[in-house]
Amino acid sequence: MISRLNEREQKLALLAVLILGPILLLRGVLFPLLDWRASYEAQETRLTQQVRQVRLLGQELQILQRSTPQRSAGLGAQVAQVLRKTGVTGRASSTSQGAEGEVQRILIQVDQLTLTETSALIYQLEHLRPAAHILTLDIQKSFQDTKRLKLNLVVSDK
């Protein structure tokens, strides 16, 4: 096909390939690779910040546990205190089962949680003194916002 062109047209076609070839290579290969790399760097930064935040919350929790004298409050009061500490009281509902002196169980439902809030809440419930036991734990995507979580759990004092 190129052999049918005259010499001037062949030079023009060669010049077009030499100019347009690198441009197409940049647009088709290099730019998508750079975009892909930038998105992974942004994701890495975001995840690093979340890990840092979880670590800070863990350190803060340890400091608070050491400095705060533990009261012998009922399980309901302890759960309410944990919900206040984690800042999810407005999004949480809890139902208590069991009378005073019996094994007490509390059903806790919290919606619209971030992963950090979920892990902080579970951690604090697991480390209540006197010990509380998480009998069931159900974590699902929230219906209102799929980037957030819905947590259902049952906590018992024995």
Protein backbone atom coordinates (compact mmCIF):
# COMPACT_ATOMS: atom_id res chain seq x y z
CA MET A 1 0.00 0.00 0.00
CA ILE A 2 2.83 2.42 0.84
CA SER A 3 4.64 1.44 -2.35
CA ARG A 4 1.77 2.93 -4.39
CA LEU A 5 2.42 6.36 -2.88
CA ASN A 6 4.89 8.73 -4.48
CA GLU A 7 8.10 9.70 -2.66
CA ARG A 8 6.67 12.91 -1.18
CA GLU A 9 3.61 11.09 0.19
CA GLN A 10 5.81 8.32 1.61
CA LYS A 11 7.93 10.88 3.50
CA LEU A 12 4.76 12.54 4.79
CA ALA A 13 3.37 9.17 5.98
CA LEU A 14 6.69 8.34 7.69
CA LEU A 15 6.71 11.75 9.36
CA ALA A 16 3.10 11.23 10.55
CA VAL A 17 4.02 7.81 12.04
CA LEU A 18 7.09 9.29 13.75
CA ILE A 19 5.05 12.11 15.28
CA LEU A 20 1.76 10.35 16.03
CA GLY A 21 3.30 7.02 17.17
CA PRO A 22 4.88 8.33 20.39
CA ILE A 23 1.80 10.45 21.13
CA LEU A 24 -0.49 7.43 20.81
CA LEU A 25 1.93 5.37 22.90
CA LEU A 26 1.88 8.02 25.65
CA ARG A 27 -1.92 8.36 25.60
CA GLY A 28 -2.64 4.64 25.30
CA VAL A 29 -0.03 3.12 27.62
CA LEU A 30 1.90 5.55 29.77
CA PHE A 31 -0.92 7.84 30.95
CA PRO A 32 -3.20 4.96 32.07
CA LEU A 33 -0.26 3.44 33.98
CA LEU A 34 0.42 6.76 35.70
CA ASP A 35 -3.28 7.13 36.62
CA TRP A 36 -3.32 3.58 38.00
CA ARG A 37 -0.23 4.28 40.10
CA ALA A 38 -1.67 7.54 41.45
CA SER A 39 -4.90 5.83 42.51
CA TYR A 40 -2.97 3.15 44.38
CA GLU A 41 -0.82 5.78 46.09
CA ALA A 42 -3.97 7.60 47.22
CA GLN A 43 -5.46 4.34 48.49
CA GLU A 44 -2.21 3.57 50.34
CA THR A 45 -2.27 7.00 51.98
CA ARG A 46 -5.90 6.57 53.04
CA LEU A 47 -5.26 3.11 54.50
CA THR A 48 -2.13 4.31 56.30
CA GLN A 49 -4.16 7.09 57.93
CA GLN A 50 -6.83 4.58 59.03
CA VAL A 51 -4.19 2.28 60.55
CA ARG A 52 -2.65 5.25 62.34
CA GLN A 53 -6.07 6.23 63.69
CA VAL A 54 -6.76 2.70 64.94
CA ARG A 55 -3.39 2.62 66.69
CA LEU A 56 -4.03 5.99 68.33
CA LEU A 57 -7.45 4.80 69.51
CA GLY A 58 -5.85 1.67 70.96
CA GLN A 59 -3.25 3.71 72.82
CA GLU A 60 -5.89 6.13 74.07
CA LEU A 61 -8.01 3.23 75.26
CA GLN A 62 -5.09 1.70 77.17
CA ILE A 63 -4.34 5.04 78.83
CA LEU A 64 -7.98 5.50 79.79
CA GLN A 65 -8.22 1.97 81.17
CA ARG A 66 -5.13 2.51 83.32
CA SER A 67 -6.16 5.94 84.60
CA THR A 68 -9.89 5.36 85.16
CA PRO A 69 -10.83 3.39 88.24
CA GLN A 70 -13.14 0.56 87.32
CA ARG A 71 -16.54 0.73 88.88
CA SER A 72 -18.61 -2.31 89.44
CA ALA A 73 -21.51 -1.06 87.32
CA GLY A 74 -24.10 -3.31 85.78
CA LEU A 75 -23.65 -4.59 82.27
CA GLY A 76 -26.23 -2.15 80.90
CA ALA A 77 -24.40 0.83 82.38
CA GLN A 78 -21.07 -0.45 81.07
CA VAL A 79 -22.46 -0.93 77.57
CA ALA A 80 -23.99 2.57 77.65
CA GLN A 81 -20.62 3.98 78.71
CA VAL A 82 -18.84 2.17 75.84
CA LEU A 83 -21.41 3.49 73.36
CA ARG A 84 -20.82 7.04 74.66
CA LYS A 85 -17.02 6.66 74.51
CA THR A 86 -17.10 5.50 70.91
CA GLY A 87 -19.53 8.26 69.95
CA VAL A 88 -22.23 5.99 68.50
CA THR A 89 -24.97 6.54 71.08
CA GLY A 90 -27.23 8.36 68.61
CA ARG A 91 -27.04 5.51 66.09
CA ALA A 92 -27.33 2.67 68.63
CA SER A 93 -30.20 0.87 70.26
CA SER A 94 -29.90 -1.70 73.01
CA THR A 95 -32.37 -4.08 74.60
CA SER A 96 -31.69 -5.79 77.92
CA GLN A 97 -32.84 -9.30 78.84
CA GLY A 98 -32.57 -10.82 82.29
CA ALA A 99 -33.46 -9.54 85.73
CA GLU A 100 -31.09 -8.24 88.41
CA GLY A 101 -28.95 -11.09 89.77
CA GLU A 102 -29.55 -13.33 86.74
CA VAL A 103 -27.44 -13.73 83.65
CA GLN A 104 -27.93 -10.49 81.79
CA ARG A 105 -27.90 -10.28 77.99
CA ILE A 106 -27.98 -7.10 75.97
CA LEU A 107 -28.80 -6.91 72.28
CA ILE A 108 -26.97 -3.98 70.67
CA GLN A 109 -27.77 -2.70 67.18
CA VAL A 110 -25.73 0.10 65.61
CA ASP A 111 -26.04 1.41 62.05
CA GLN A 112 -23.89 3.71 59.87
CA LEU A 113 -20.56 2.67 61.46
CA THR A 114 -17.16 3.19 59.91
CA LEU A 115 -14.66 0.35 60.11
CA THR A 116 -12.70 2.25 62.77
CA GLU A 117 -15.80 2.78 64.91
CA THR A 118 -16.75 -0.89 64.54
CA SER A 119 -13.35 -2.14 65.64
CA ALA A 120 -13.18 0.35 68.54
CA LEU A 121 -16.65 -0.65 69.76
CA ILE A 122 -15.92 -4.38 69.61
CA TYR A 123 -12.53 -3.90 71.27
CA GLN A 124 -13.99 -1.92 74.16
CA LEU A 125 -16.83 -4.40 74.68
CA GLU A 126 -14.35 -7.30 74.75
CA HIS A 127 -12.23 -5.55 77.38
CA LEU A 128 -14.93 -4.57 79.87
CA ARG A 129 -14.15 -5.25 83.53
CA PRO A 130 -15.72 -7.38 84.97
CA ALA A 131 -15.56 -9.43 81.81
CA ALA A 132 -18.40 -9.38 79.31
CA HIS A 133 -18.77 -11.98 76.60
CA ILE A 134 -19.89 -11.33 73.05
CA LEU A 135 -22.24 -14.23 72.33
CA THR A 136 -23.20 -13.34 68.76
CA LEU A 137 -21.74 -10.85 66.33
CA ASP A 138 -23.21 -9.93 62.95
CA ILE A 139 -21.61 -7.30 60.70
CA GLN A 140 -23.30 -6.30 57.45
CA LYS A 141 -23.20 -3.46 54.96
CA SER A 142 -25.52 -0.65 55.98
CA PHE A 143 -28.67 -0.33 53.90
CA GLN A 144 -28.49 3.47 53.74
CA ASP A 145 -24.78 3.73 52.87
CA THR A 146 -22.95 0.69 51.52
CA LYS A 147 -19.60 2.20 52.53
CA ARG A 148 -20.65 1.92 56.18
CA LEU A 149 -21.51 -1.04 58.39
CA LYS A 150 -24.42 -2.29 60.47
CA LEU A 151 -23.51 -4.14 63.67
CA ASN A 152 -25.75 -6.50 65.67
CA LEU A 153 -24.34 -8.23 68.71
CA VAL A 154 -25.43 -9.86 71.95
CA VAL A 155 -23.31 -9.23 75.06
CA SER A 156 -23.62 -11.30 78.24
CA ASP A 157 -22.09 -10.86 81.68
CA LYS A 158 -21.50 -14.62 82.10
